[in-house]
């Protein structure tokens, strides 16, 4: 009987789908946090290449072919990020919630609004 395909409609279903995808191919042996983090940074570098010599104001205007490639790089980045979190049993939603709270303290809106300075550069 064919397996029922997991519908990807949440981060959890994505995690399960990617876990199954790797299991079917016997890739878990290669999906260590070290290897996955290296793959993640390689994909992030491929994404950056699309914007490397583009003016910042024009970087959101992508030709169709470039947009498709950017979408694929973003998907690769998400795939590796979710696989790393699965391997390390990290709840990404909770990690993001904690990080937003930390950043809220580092970057109070009334102090940093409209500025791109690092938190250590603000007078407190």
PDB file of N, CA and C in Angstrom:
ATOM      1  N   UNK A   1       0.846  -1.173   0.000  1.00  0.00           N
ATOM      2  CA  UNK A   1       0.000   0.000   0.000  1.00  0.00           C
ATOM      3  C   UNK A   1       0.892   1.237   0.000  1.00  0.00           C
ATOM      4  N   UNK A   2       0.636   2.207  -0.904  1.00  0.00           N
ATOM      5  CA  UNK A   2       1.468   3.409  -0.960  1.00  0.00           C
ATOM      6  C   UNK A   2       1.286   4.253   0.288  1.00  0.00           C
ATOM      7  N   UNK A   3       2.381   4.909   0.679  1.00  0.00           N
ATOM      8  CA  UNK A   3       2.332   5.788   1.839  1.00  0.00           C
ATOM      9  C   UNK A   3       1.540   7.037   1.511  1.00  0.00           C
ATOM     10  N   UNK A   4       0.856   7.532   2.519  1.00  0.00           N
ATOM     11  CA  UNK A   4       0.118   8.770   2.344  1.00  0.00           C
ATOM     12  C   UNK A   4       1.109   9.931   2.467  1.00  0.00           C
ATOM     13  N   UNK A   5       1.067  10.823   1.505  1.00  0.00           N
ATOM     14  CA  UNK A   5       1.966  11.967   1.518  1.00  0.00           C
ATOM     15  C   UNK A   5       1.557  12.929   2.629  1.00  0.00           C
ATOM     16  N   UNK A   6       2.546  13.416   3.363  1.00  0.00           N
ATOM     17  CA  UNK A   6       2.300  14.381   4.429  1.00  0.00           C
ATOM     18  C   UNK A   6       2.082  15.743   3.793  1.00  0.00           C
ATOM     19  N   UNK A   7       0.956  16.363   4.114  1.00  0.00           N
ATOM     20  CA  UNK A   7       0.679  17.707   3.625  1.00  0.00           C
ATOM     21  C   UNK A   7       1.474  18.697   4.461  1.00  0.00           C
ATOM     22  N   UNK A   8       2.209  19.560   3.799  1.00  0.00           N
ATOM     23  CA  UNK A   8       3.026  20.544   4.508  1.00  0.00           C
ATOM     24  C   UNK A   8       2.186  21.788   4.739  1.00  0.00           C
ATOM     25  N   UNK A   9       1.717  21.938   5.980  1.00  0.00           N
ATOM     26  CA  UNK A   9       0.900  23.097   6.320  1.00  0.00           C
ATOM     27  C   UNK A   9       1.327  23.744   7.637  1.00  0.00           C
ATOM     28  N   UNK A  10       2.450  23.284   8.159  1.00  0.00           N
ATOM     29  CA  UNK A  10       2.991  23.837   9.395  1.00  0.00           C
ATOM     30  C   UNK A  10       4.469  23.483   9.477  1.00  0.00           C
ATOM     31  N   UNK A  11       5.151  24.104  10.391  1.00  0.00           N
ATOM     32  CA  UNK A  11       6.558  23.780  10.596  1.00  0.00           C
ATOM     33  C   UNK A  11       6.710  22.327  11.045  1.00  0.00           C
ATOM     34  N   UNK A  12       5.775  21.861  11.853  1.00  0.00           N
ATOM     35  CA  UNK A  12       5.820  20.473  12.314  1.00  0.00           C
ATOM     36  C   UNK A  12       5.624  19.498  11.165  1.00  0.00           C
ATOM     37  N   UNK A  13       4.673  19.762  10.283  1.00  0.00           N
ATOM     38  CA  UNK A  13       4.470  18.852   9.156  1.00  0.00           C
ATOM     39  C   UNK A  13       5.660  18.906   8.198  1.00  0.00           C
ATOM     40  N   UNK A  14       6.287  20.068   8.067  1.00  0.00           N
ATOM     41  CA  UNK A  14       7.498  20.173   7.256  1.00  0.00           C
ATOM     42  C   UNK A  14       8.615  19.337   7.868  1.00  0.00           C
ATOM     43  N   UNK A  15       8.771  19.419   9.168  1.00  0.00           N
ATOM     44  CA  UNK A  15       9.794  18.635   9.866  1.00  0.00           C
ATOM     45  C   UNK A  15       9.580  17.143   9.625  1.00  0.00           C
ATOM     46  N   UNK A  16       8.336  16.694   9.755  1.00  0.00           N
ATOM     47  CA  UNK A  16       8.030  15.280   9.550  1.00  0.00           C
ATOM     48  C   UNK A  16       8.253  14.860   8.104  1.00  0.00           C
ATOM     49  N   UNK A  17       7.873  15.702   7.163  1.00  0.00           N
ATOM     50  CA  UNK A  17       8.054  15.391   5.730  1.00  0.00           C
ATOM     51  C   UNK A  17       9.535  15.283   5.396  1.00  0.00           C
ATOM     52  N   UNK A  18      10.334  16.213   5.910  1.00  0.00           N
ATOM     53  CA  UNK A  18      11.779  16.181   5.643  1.00  0.00           C
ATOM     54  C   UNK A  18      12.440  14.984   6.316  1.00  0.00           C
ATOM     55  N   UNK A  19      11.989  14.651   7.503  1.00  0.00           N
ATOM     56  CA  UNK A  19      12.511  13.476   8.197  1.00  0.00           C
ATOM     57  C   UNK A  19      12.243  12.221   7.365  1.00  0.00           C
ATOM     58  N   UNK A  20      11.027  12.099   6.856  1.00  0.00           N
ATOM     59  CA  UNK A  20      10.652  10.941   6.034  1.00  0.00           C
ATOM     60  C   UNK A  20      11.440  10.927   4.724  1.00  0.00           C
ATOM     61  N   UNK A  21      11.593  12.088   4.104  1.00  0.00           N
ATOM     62  CA  UNK A  21      12.337  12.210   2.854  1.00  0.00           C
ATOM     63  C   UNK A  21      13.770  11.702   3.043  1.00  0.00           C
ATOM     64  N   UNK A  22      14.414  12.132   4.122  1.00  0.00           N
ATOM     65  CA  UNK A  22      15.788  11.687   4.402  1.00  0.00           C
ATOM     66  C   UNK A  22      15.830  10.197   4.740  1.00  0.00           C
ATOM     67  N   UNK A  23      14.843   9.718   5.512  1.00  0.00           N
ATOM     68  CA  UNK A  23      14.808   8.309   5.885  1.00  0.00           C
ATOM     69  C   UNK A  23      14.674   7.411   4.664  1.00  0.00           C
ATOM     70  N   UNK A  24      13.806   7.799   3.735  1.00  0.00           N
ATOM     71  CA  UNK A  24      13.598   7.006   2.530  1.00  0.00           C
ATOM     72  C   UNK A  24      14.875   6.878   1.702  1.00  0.00           C
ATOM     73  N   UNK A  25      15.758   7.826   1.824  1.00  0.00           N
ATOM     74  CA  UNK A  25      16.993   7.832   1.032  1.00  0.00           C
ATOM     75  C   UNK A  25      18.218   7.397   1.843  1.00  0.00           C
ATOM     76  N   UNK A  26      17.988   7.026   3.093  1.00  0.00           N
ATOM     77  CA  UNK A  26      19.063   6.638   4.004  1.00  0.00           C
ATOM     78  C   UNK A  26      20.099   7.764   4.137  1.00  0.00           C
ATOM     79  N   UNK A  27      19.613   8.968   4.286  1.00  0.00           N
ATOM     80  CA  UNK A  27      20.493  10.137   4.414  1.00  0.00           C
ATOM     81  C   UNK A  27      20.733  10.564   5.848  1.00  0.00           C
ATOM     82  N   UNK A  28      20.032   9.970   6.799  1.00  0.00           N
ATOM     83  CA  UNK A  28      20.231  10.385   8.187  1.00  0.00           C
ATOM     84  C   UNK A  28      21.685  10.237   8.615  1.00  0.00           C
ATOM     85  N   UNK A  29      22.358   9.268   8.049  1.00  0.00           N
ATOM     86  CA  UNK A  29      23.766   9.070   8.381  1.00  0.00           C
ATOM     87  C   UNK A  29      24.621  10.288   8.012  1.00  0.00           C
ATOM     88  N   UNK A  30      24.156  11.081   7.074  1.00  0.00           N
ATOM     89  CA  UNK A  30      24.884  12.273   6.639  1.00  0.00           C
ATOM     90  C   UNK A  30      24.322  13.555   7.262  1.00  0.00           C
ATOM     91  N   UNK A  31      23.111  13.467   7.772  1.00  0.00           N
ATOM     92  CA  UNK A  31      22.445  14.655   8.297  1.00  0.00           C
ATOM     93  C   UNK A  31      22.803  14.898   9.761  1.00  0.00           C
ATOM     94  N   UNK A  32      24.076  15.152   9.983  1.00  0.00           N
ATOM     95  CA  UNK A  32      24.538  15.540  11.315  1.00  0.00           C
ATOM     96  C   UNK A  32      24.388  17.055  11.440  1.00  0.00           C
ATOM     97  N   UNK A  33      24.303  17.557  12.652  1.00  0.00           N
ATOM     98  CA  UNK A  33      24.239  19.014  12.798  1.00  0.00           C
ATOM     99  C   UNK A  33      25.400  19.728  12.107  1.00  0.00           C
ATOM    100  N   UNK A  34      26.580  19.149  12.173  1.00  0.00           N
ATOM    101  CA  UNK A  34      27.746  19.749  11.502  1.00  0.00           C
ATOM    102  C   UNK A  34      27.523  19.831  10.001  1.00  0.00           C
ATOM    103  N   UNK A  35      27.170  18.716   9.385  1.00  0.00           N
ATOM    104  CA  UNK A  35      26.976  18.700   7.930  1.00  0.00           C
ATOM    105  C   UNK A  35      25.811  19.576   7.498  1.00  0.00           C
ATOM    106  N   UNK A  36      24.729  19.525   8.249  1.00  0.00           N
ATOM    107  CA  UNK A  36      23.561  20.332   7.898  1.00  0.00           C
ATOM    108  C   UNK A  36      23.853  21.826   8.041  1.00  0.00           C
ATOM    109  N   UNK A  37      24.598  22.207   9.073  1.00  0.00           N
ATOM    110  CA  UNK A  37      24.921  23.629   9.236  1.00  0.00           C
ATOM    111  C   UNK A  37      25.845  24.103   8.116  1.00  0.00           C
ATOM    112  N   UNK A  38      26.744  23.241   7.668  1.00  0.00           N
ATOM    113  CA  UNK A  38      27.616  23.605   6.549  1.00  0.00           C
ATOM    114  C   UNK A  38      26.803  23.750   5.265  1.00  0.00           C
ATOM    115  N   UNK A  39      25.853  22.855   5.052  1.00  0.00           N
ATOM    116  CA  UNK A  39      24.985  22.942   3.880  1.00  0.00           C
ATOM    117  C   UNK A  39      24.127  24.203   3.945  1.00  0.00           C
ATOM    118  N   UNK A  40      23.658  24.541   5.129  1.00  0.00           N
ATOM    119  CA  UNK A  40      22.845  25.744   5.318  1.00  0.00           C
ATOM    120  C   UNK A  40      23.615  26.989   4.911  1.00  0.00           C
ATOM    121  N   UNK A  41      24.837  27.117   5.362  1.00  0.00           N
ATOM    122  CA  UNK A  41      25.620  28.315   5.044  1.00  0.00           C
ATOM    123  C   UNK A  41      25.972  28.353   3.559  1.00  0.00           C
ATOM    124  N   UNK A  42      26.180  27.196   2.951  1.00  0.00           N
ATOM    125  CA  UNK A  42      26.451  27.153   1.507  1.00  0.00           C
ATOM    126  C   UNK A  42      25.232  27.642   0.728  1.00  0.00           C
ATOM    127  N   UNK A  43      24.053  27.220   1.141  1.00  0.00           N
ATOM    128  CA  UNK A  43      22.827  27.671   0.468  1.00  0.00           C
ATOM    129  C   UNK A  43      22.592  29.163   0.703  1.00  0.00           C
ATOM    130  N   UNK A  44      22.893  29.635   1.901  1.00  0.00           N
ATOM    131  CA  UNK A  44      22.757  31.067   2.182  1.00  0.00           C
ATOM    132  C   UNK A  44      23.699  31.875   1.290  1.00  0.00           C
ATOM    133  N   UNK A  45      24.889  31.360   1.061  1.00  0.00           N
ATOM    134  CA  UNK A  45      25.838  32.041   0.172  1.00  0.00           C
ATOM    135  C   UNK A  45      25.307  32.065  -1.262  1.00  0.00           C
ATOM    136  N   UNK A  46      24.660  30.983  -1.685  1.00  0.00           N
ATOM    137  CA  UNK A  46      24.072  30.959  -3.031  1.00  0.00           C
ATOM    138  C   UNK A  46      22.957  31.997  -3.145  1.00  0.00           C
ATOM    139  N   UNK A  47      22.200  32.190  -2.089  1.00  0.00           N
ATOM    140  CA  UNK A  47      21.170  33.229  -2.082  1.00  0.00           C
ATOM    141  C   UNK A  47      21.807  34.613  -2.209  1.00  0.00           C
ATOM    142  N   UNK A  48      22.839  34.855  -1.456  1.00  0.00           N
ATOM    143  CA  UNK A  48      23.519  36.155  -1.458  1.00  0.00           C
ATOM    144  C   UNK A  48      24.056  36.499  -2.845  1.00  0.00           C
ATOM    145  N   UNK A  49      24.496  35.502  -3.585  1.00  0.00           N
ATOM    146  CA  UNK A  49      25.033  35.751  -4.931  1.00  0.00           C
ATOM    147  C   UNK A  49      24.031  36.481  -5.824  1.00  0.00           C
ATOM    148  N   UNK A  50      22.753  36.246  -5.624  1.00  0.00           N
ATOM    149  CA  UNK A  50      21.730  36.906  -6.452  1.00  0.00           C
ATOM    150  C   UNK A  50      21.641  38.402  -6.179  1.00  0.00           C
ATOM    151  N   UNK A  51      22.113  38.835  -5.026  1.00  0.00           N
ATOM    152  CA  UNK A  51      21.983  40.234  -4.631  1.00  0.00           C
ATOM    153  C   UNK A  51      23.324  40.952  -4.499  1.00  0.00           C
ATOM    154  N   UNK A  52      24.399  40.230  -4.734  1.00  0.00           N
ATOM    155  CA  UNK A  52      25.741  40.746  -4.460  1.00  0.00           C
ATOM    156  C   UNK A  52      26.028  42.082  -5.128  1.00  0.00           C
ATOM    157  N   UNK A  53      25.705  42.253  -6.371  1.00  0.00           N
ATOM    158  CA  UNK A  53      26.050  43.474  -7.089  1.00  0.00           C
ATOM    159  C   UNK A  53      24.820  44.267  -7.501  1.00  0.00           C
ATOM    160  N   UNK A  54      23.723  44.064  -6.796  1.00  0.00           N
ATOM    161  CA  UNK A  54      22.478  44.765  -7.095  1.00  0.00           C
ATOM    162  C   UNK A  54      22.320  45.906  -6.097  1.00  0.00           C
ATOM    163  N   UNK A  55      21.909  47.055  -6.597  1.00  0.00           N
ATOM    164  CA  UNK A  55      21.628  48.188  -5.730  1.00  0.00           C
ATOM    165  C   UNK A  55      20.543  47.797  -4.724  1.00  0.00           C
ATOM    166  N   UNK A  56      20.712  48.214  -3.478  1.00  0.00           N
ATOM    167  CA  UNK A  56      19.767  47.855  -2.425  1.00  0.00           C
ATOM    168  C   UNK A  56      18.331  48.201  -2.746  1.00  0.00           C
ATOM    169  N   UNK A  57      18.115  49.373  -3.341  1.00  0.00           N
ATOM    170  CA  UNK A  57      16.755  49.786  -3.681  1.00  0.00           C
ATOM    171  C   UNK A  57      16.145  48.930  -4.783  1.00  0.00           C
ATOM    172  N   UNK A  58      16.972  48.316  -5.590  1.00  0.00           N
ATOM    173  CA  UNK A  58      16.483  47.502  -6.704  1.00  0.00           C
ATOM    174  C   UNK A  58      16.460  46.000  -6.378  1.00  0.00           C
ATOM    175  N   UNK A  59      16.941  45.629  -5.207  1.00  0.00           N
ATOM    176  CA  UNK A  59      17.097  44.206  -4.904  1.00  0.00           C
ATOM    177  C   UNK A  59      15.772  43.453  -4.792  1.00  0.00           C
ATOM    178  N   UNK A  60      14.676  44.156  -4.650  1.00  0.00           N
ATOM    179  CA  UNK A  60      13.378  43.472  -4.580  1.00  0.00           C
ATOM    180  C   UNK A  60      12.749  43.285  -5.957  1.00  0.00           C
ATOM    181  N   UNK A  61      13.349  43.857  -6.974  1.00  0.00           N
ATOM    182  CA  UNK A  61      12.830  43.726  -8.341  1.00  0.00           C
ATOM    183  C   UNK A  61      13.598  42.621  -9.054  1.00  0.00           C
ATOM    184  N   UNK A  62      13.043  41.429  -9.049  1.00  0.00           N
ATOM    185  CA  UNK A  62      13.732  40.274  -9.614  1.00  0.00           C
ATOM    186  C   UNK A  62      13.073  39.847 -10.910  1.00  0.00           C
ATOM    187  N   UNK A  63      13.901  39.495 -11.888  1.00  0.00           N
ATOM    188  CA  UNK A  63      13.379  38.891 -13.115  1.00  0.00           C
ATOM    189  C   UNK A  63      12.822  37.515 -12.748  1.00  0.00           C
ATOM    190  N   UNK A  64      11.911  37.010 -13.566  1.00  0.00           N
ATOM    191  CA  UNK A  64      11.247  35.743 -13.261  1.00  0.00           C
ATOM    192  C   UNK A  64      12.230  34.603 -13.022  1.00  0.00           C
ATOM    193  N   UNK A  65      13.241  34.486 -13.863  1.00  0.00           N
ATOM    194  CA  UNK A  65      14.223  33.408 -13.725  1.00  0.00           C
ATOM    195  C   UNK A  65      14.990  33.544 -12.418  1.00  0.00           C
ATOM    196  N   UNK A  66      15.363  34.767 -12.075  1.00  0.00           N
ATOM    197  CA  UNK A  66      16.085  35.005 -10.828  1.00  0.00           C
ATOM    198  C   UNK A  66      15.173  34.737  -9.638  1.00  0.00           C
ATOM    199  N   UNK A  67      13.931  35.181  -9.717  1.00  0.00           N
ATOM    200  CA  UNK A  67      12.973  34.953  -8.622  1.00  0.00           C
ATOM    201  C   UNK A  67      12.827  33.460  -8.347  1.00  0.00           C
ATOM    202  N   UNK A  68      12.718  32.649  -9.388  1.00  0.00           N
ATOM    203  CA  UNK A  68      12.584  31.210  -9.201  1.00  0.00           C
ATOM    204  C   UNK A  68      13.813  30.649  -8.497  1.00  0.00           C
ATOM    205  N   UNK A  69      14.983  31.094  -8.903  1.00  0.00           N
ATOM    206  CA  UNK A  69      16.213  30.626  -8.277  1.00  0.00           C
ATOM    207  C   UNK A  69      16.297  31.072  -6.812  1.00  0.00           C
ATOM    208  N   UNK A  70      15.887  32.310  -6.543  1.00  0.00           N
ATOM    209  CA  UNK A  70      15.874  32.816  -5.168  1.00  0.00           C
ATOM    210  C   UNK A  70      14.908  31.988  -4.321  1.00  0.00           C
ATOM    211  N   UNK A  71      13.744  31.680  -4.862  1.00  0.00           N
ATOM    212  CA  UNK A  71      12.774  30.852  -4.134  1.00  0.00           C
ATOM    213  C   UNK A  71      13.367  29.488  -3.797  1.00  0.00           C
ATOM    214  N   UNK A  72      14.089  28.899  -4.736  1.00  0.00           N
ATOM    215  CA  UNK A  72      14.695  27.593  -4.495  1.00  0.00           C
ATOM    216  C   UNK A  72      15.781  27.671  -3.423  1.00  0.00           C
ATOM    217  N   UNK A  73      16.576  28.742  -3.444  1.00  0.00           N
ATOM    218  CA  UNK A  73      17.610  28.907  -2.411  1.00  0.00           C
ATOM    219  C   UNK A  73      16.969  29.099  -1.042  1.00  0.00           C
ATOM    220  N   UNK A  74      15.893  29.892  -0.978  1.00  0.00           N
ATOM    221  CA  UNK A  74      15.191  30.084   0.289  1.00  0.00           C
ATOM    222  C   UNK A  74      14.627  28.759   0.794  1.00  0.00           C
ATOM    223  N   UNK A  75      14.091  27.960  -0.111  1.00  0.00           N
ATOM    224  CA  UNK A  75      13.570  26.648   0.271  1.00  0.00           C
ATOM    225  C   UNK A  75      14.693  25.761   0.799  1.00  0.00           C
ATOM    226  N   UNK A  76      15.842  25.755   0.136  1.00  0.00           N
ATOM    227  CA  UNK A  76      16.980  24.966   0.610  1.00  0.00           C
ATOM    228  C   UNK A  76      17.402  25.401   2.003  1.00  0.00           C
ATOM    229  N   UNK A  77      17.443  26.701   2.231  1.00  0.00           N
ATOM    230  CA  UNK A  77      17.829  27.232   3.538  1.00  0.00           C
ATOM    231  C   UNK A  77      16.846  26.753   4.605  1.00  0.00           C
ATOM    232  N   UNK A  78      15.561  26.858   4.315  1.00  0.00           N
ATOM    233  CA  UNK A  78      14.554  26.416   5.275  1.00  0.00           C
ATOM    234  C   UNK A  78      14.654  24.914   5.525  1.00  0.00           C
ATOM    235  N   UNK A  79      14.866  24.157   4.478  1.00  0.00           N
ATOM    236  CA  UNK A  79      14.988  22.702   4.621  1.00  0.00           C
ATOM    237  C   UNK A  79      16.133  22.360   5.569  1.00  0.00           C
ATOM    238  N   UNK A  80      17.292  22.939   5.349  1.00  0.00           N
ATOM    239  CA  UNK A  80      18.431  22.628   6.216  1.00  0.00           C
ATOM    240  C   UNK A  80      18.219  23.141   7.628  1.00  0.00           C
ATOM    241  N   UNK A  81      17.606  24.296   7.783  1.00  0.00           N
ATOM    242  CA  UNK A  81      17.321  24.829   9.106  1.00  0.00           C
ATOM    243  C   UNK A  81      16.381  23.910   9.875  1.00  0.00           C
ATOM    244  N   UNK A  82      15.343  23.450   9.217  1.00  0.00           N
ATOM    245  CA  UNK A  82      14.384  22.569   9.872  1.00  0.00           C
ATOM    246  C   UNK A  82      15.033  21.223  10.192  1.00  0.00           C
ATOM    247  N   UNK A  83      15.863  20.709   9.297  1.00  0.00           N
ATOM    248  CA  UNK A  83      16.547  19.439   9.566  1.00  0.00           C
ATOM    249  C   UNK A  83      17.496  19.567  10.764  1.00  0.00           C
ATOM    250  N   UNK A  84      18.232  20.674  10.857  1.00  0.00           N
ATOM    251  CA  UNK A  84      19.119  20.862  12.006  1.00  0.00           C
ATOM    252  C   UNK A  84      18.303  20.910  13.296  1.00  0.00           C
ATOM    253  N   UNK A  85      17.217  21.663  13.270  1.00  0.00           N
ATOM    254  CA  UNK A  85      16.395  21.770  14.483  1.00  0.00           C
ATOM    255  C   UNK A  85      15.812  20.414  14.867  1.00  0.00           C
ATOM    256  N   UNK A  86      15.448  19.611  13.887  1.00  0.00           N
ATOM    257  CA  UNK A  86      14.932  18.270  14.162  1.00  0.00           C
ATOM    258  C   UNK A  86      16.008  17.407  14.792  1.00  0.00           C
ATOM    259  N   UNK A  87      17.196  17.435  14.228  1.00  0.00           N
ATOM    260  CA  UNK A  87      18.299  16.620  14.743  1.00  0.00           C
ATOM    261  C   UNK A  87      18.684  17.015  16.165  1.00  0.00           C
ATOM    262  N   UNK A  88      18.560  18.293  16.486  1.00  0.00           N
ATOM    263  CA  UNK A  88      18.941  18.781  17.814  1.00  0.00           C
ATOM    264  C   UNK A  88      17.741  18.912  18.754  1.00  0.00           C
ATOM    265  N   UNK A  89      16.564  18.493  18.280  1.00  0.00           N
ATOM    266  CA  UNK A  89      15.335  18.563  19.065  1.00  0.00           C
ATOM    267  C   UNK A  89      15.086  19.986  19.578  1.00  0.00           C
ATOM    268  N   UNK A  90      15.209  20.948  18.664  1.00  0.00           N
ATOM    269  CA  UNK A  90      14.946  22.350  18.971  1.00  0.00           C
ATOM    270  C   UNK A  90      13.565  22.709  18.433  1.00  0.00           C
ATOM    271  N   UNK A  91      12.732  23.259  19.292  1.00  0.00           N
ATOM    272  CA  UNK A  91      11.428  23.751  18.881  1.00  0.00           C
ATOM    273  C   UNK A  91      11.655  25.152  18.316  1.00  0.00           C
ATOM    274  N   UNK A  92      11.602  25.277  16.995  1.00  0.00           N
ATOM    275  CA  UNK A  92      11.909  26.565  16.362  1.00  0.00           C
ATOM    276  C   UNK A  92      10.932  27.660  16.771  1.00  0.00           C
ATOM    277  N   UNK A  93       9.659  27.331  16.928  1.00  0.00           N
ATOM    278  CA  UNK A  93       8.691  28.348  17.363  1.00  0.00           C
ATOM    279  C   UNK A  93       9.082  28.918  18.725  1.00  0.00           C
ATOM    280  N   UNK A  94       9.407  28.037  19.667  1.00  0.00           N
ATOM    281  CA  UNK A  94       9.799  28.486  21.005  1.00  0.00           C
ATOM    282  C   UNK A  94      11.119  29.244  20.964  1.00  0.00           C
ATOM    283  N   UNK A  95      12.064  28.774  20.161  1.00  0.00           N
ATOM    284  CA  UNK A  95      13.352  29.456  20.040  1.00  0.00           C
ATOM    285  C   UNK A  95      13.161  30.867  19.488  1.00  0.00           C
ATOM    286  N   UNK A  96      12.277  31.003  18.505  1.00  0.00           N
ATOM    287  CA  UNK A  96      12.001  32.320  17.926  1.00  0.00           C
ATOM    288  C   UNK A  96      11.321  33.226  18.952  1.00  0.00           C
ATOM    289  N   UNK A  97      10.363  32.683  19.689  1.00  0.00           N
ATOM    290  CA  UNK A  97       9.699  33.482  20.734  1.00  0.00           C
ATOM    291  C   UNK A  97      10.712  34.003  21.743  1.00  0.00           C
ATOM    292  N   UNK A  98      11.615  33.129  22.200  1.00  0.00           N
ATOM    293  CA  UNK A  98      12.640  33.552  23.167  1.00  0.00           C
ATOM    294  C   UNK A  98      13.558  34.609  22.558  1.00  0.00           C
ATOM    295  N   UNK A  99      13.937  34.411  21.292  1.00  0.00           N
ATOM    296  CA  UNK A  99      14.860  35.350  20.650  1.00  0.00           C
ATOM    297  C   UNK A  99      14.205  36.710  20.425  1.00  0.00           C
ATOM    298  N   UNK A 100      12.925  36.724  20.076  1.00  0.00           N
ATOM    299  CA  UNK A 100      12.224  38.003  19.922  1.00  0.00           C
ATOM    300  C   UNK A 100      12.198  38.743  21.261  1.00  0.00           C
ATOM    301  N   UNK A 101      11.973  38.023  22.351  1.00  0.00           N
ATOM    302  CA  UNK A 101      11.973  38.656  23.677  1.00  0.00           C
ATOM    303  C   UNK A 101      13.354  39.229  24.002  1.00  0.00           C
ATOM    304  N   UNK A 102      14.398  38.474  23.705  1.00  0.00           N
ATOM    305  CA  UNK A 102      15.770  38.954  23.931  1.00  0.00           C
ATOM    306  C   UNK A 102      16.035  40.199  23.095  1.00  0.00           C
ATOM    307  N   UNK A 103      15.674  40.140  21.811  1.00  0.00           N
ATOM    308  CA  UNK A 103      15.903  41.285  20.926  1.00  0.00           C
ATOM    309  C   UNK A 103      15.074  42.497  21.348  1.00  0.00           C
ATOM    310  N   UNK A 104      13.889  42.259  21.904  1.00  0.00           N
ATOM    311  CA  UNK A 104      13.069  43.356  22.391  1.00  0.00           C
ATOM    312  C   UNK A 104      13.753  44.120  23.505  1.00  0.00           C
ATOM    313  N   UNK A 105      14.484  43.410  24.345  1.00  0.00           N
ATOM    314  CA  UNK A 105      15.241  44.058  25.426  1.00  0.00           C
ATOM    315  C   UNK A 105      16.486  44.758  24.882  1.00  0.00           C
ATOM    316  N   UNK A 106      17.141  44.136  23.920  1.00  0.00           N
ATOM    317  CA  UNK A 106      18.339  44.734  23.318  1.00  0.00           C
ATOM    318  C   UNK A 106      18.003  45.960  22.483  1.00  0.00           C
ATOM    319  N   UNK A 107      16.867  45.901  21.828  1.00  0.00           N
ATOM    320  CA  UNK A 107      16.472  46.946  20.880  1.00  0.00           C
ATOM    321  C   UNK A 107      15.085  47.501  21.215  1.00  0.00           C
ATOM    322  N   UNK A 108      14.969  48.282  22.306  1.00  0.00           N
ATOM    323  CA  UNK A 108      13.658  48.864  22.627  1.00  0.00           C
ATOM    324  C   UNK A 108      13.207  49.794  21.501  1.00  0.00           C
ATOM    325  N   UNK A 109      11.958  49.631  21.067  1.00  0.00           N
ATOM    326  CA  UNK A 109      11.461  50.369  19.898  1.00  0.00           C
ATOM    327  C   UNK A 109      11.631  51.875  20.048  1.00  0.00           C
ATOM    328  N   UNK A 110      11.382  52.415  21.237  1.00  0.00           N
ATOM    329  CA  UNK A 110      11.476  53.862  21.415  1.00  0.00           C
ATOM    330  C   UNK A 110      12.911  54.364  21.319  1.00  0.00           C
ATOM    331  N   UNK A 111      13.886  53.478  21.526  1.00  0.00           N
ATOM    332  CA  UNK A 111      15.287  53.869  21.460  1.00  0.00           C
ATOM    333  C   UNK A 111      15.896  53.668  20.080  1.00  0.00           C
ATOM    334  N   UNK A 112      15.458  52.657  19.357  1.00  0.00           N
ATOM    335  CA  UNK A 112      16.141  52.263  18.116  1.00  0.00           C
ATOM    336  C   UNK A 112      15.364  52.551  16.837  1.00  0.00           C
ATOM    337  N   UNK A 113      14.157  53.029  16.971  1.00  0.00           N
ATOM    338  CA  UNK A 113      13.297  53.242  15.795  1.00  0.00           C
ATOM    339  C   UNK A 113      14.049  54.008  14.701  1.00  0.00           C
ATOM    340  N   UNK A 114      14.058  53.425  13.500  1.00  0.00           N
ATOM    341  CA  UNK A 114      14.656  54.074  12.336  1.00  0.00           C
ATOM    342  C   UNK A 114      16.165  53.987  12.262  1.00  0.00           C
ATOM    343  N   UNK A 115      16.793  53.218  13.126  1.00  0.00           N
ATOM    344  CA  UNK A 115      18.247  53.111  13.130  1.00  0.00           C
ATOM    345  C   UNK A 115      18.671  51.658  12.930  1.00  0.00           C
ATOM    346  N   UNK A 116      19.794  51.462  12.270  1.00  0.00           N
ATOM    347  CA  UNK A 116      20.318  50.119  12.039  1.00  0.00           C
ATOM    348  C   UNK A 116      21.565  49.847  12.888  1.00  0.00           C
ATOM    349  N   UNK A 117      21.792  50.666  13.901  1.00  0.00           N
ATOM    350  CA  UNK A 117      22.956  50.462  14.765  1.00  0.00           C
ATOM    351  C   UNK A 117      22.821  49.153  15.538  1.00  0.00           C
ATOM    352  N   UNK A 118      23.976  48.617  15.923  1.00  0.00           N
ATOM    353  CA  UNK A 118      23.995  47.452  16.785  1.00  0.00           C
ATOM    354  C   UNK A 118      23.621  47.895  18.195  1.00  0.00           C
ATOM    355  N   UNK A 119      23.045  46.990  18.975  1.00  0.00           N
ATOM    356  CA  UNK A 119      22.560  47.346  20.319  1.00  0.00           C
ATOM    357  C   UNK A 119      23.649  47.914  21.223  1.00  0.00           C
ATOM    358  N   UNK A 120      24.913  47.549  20.992  1.00  0.00           N
ATOM    359  CA  UNK A 120      26.000  48.064  21.820  1.00  0.00           C
ATOM    360  C   UNK A 120      26.347  49.518  21.499  1.00  0.00           C
ATOM    361  N   UNK A 121      25.791  50.049  20.417  1.00  0.00           N
ATOM    362  CA  UNK A 121      26.097  51.426  20.014  1.00  0.00           C
ATOM    363  C   UNK A 121      25.103  52.436  20.564  1.00  0.00           C
ATOM    364  N   UNK A 122      24.077  52.002  21.271  1.00  0.00           N
ATOM    365  CA  UNK A 122      23.071  52.924  21.777  1.00  0.00           C
ATOM    366  C   UNK A 122      23.423  53.373  23.175  1.00  0.00           C
ATOM    367  N   UNK A 123      23.164  54.656  23.452  1.00  0.00           N
ATOM    368  CA  UNK A 123      23.324  55.175  24.812  1.00  0.00           C
ATOM    369  C   UNK A 123      22.130  54.712  25.633  1.00  0.00           C
ATOM    370  N   UNK A 124      22.408  54.096  26.717  1.00  0.00           N
ATOM    371  CA  UNK A 124      21.320  53.597  27.593  1.00  0.00           C
ATOM    372  C   UNK A 124      21.386  54.269  28.919  1.00  0.00           C
TER     373      UNK A 124
END
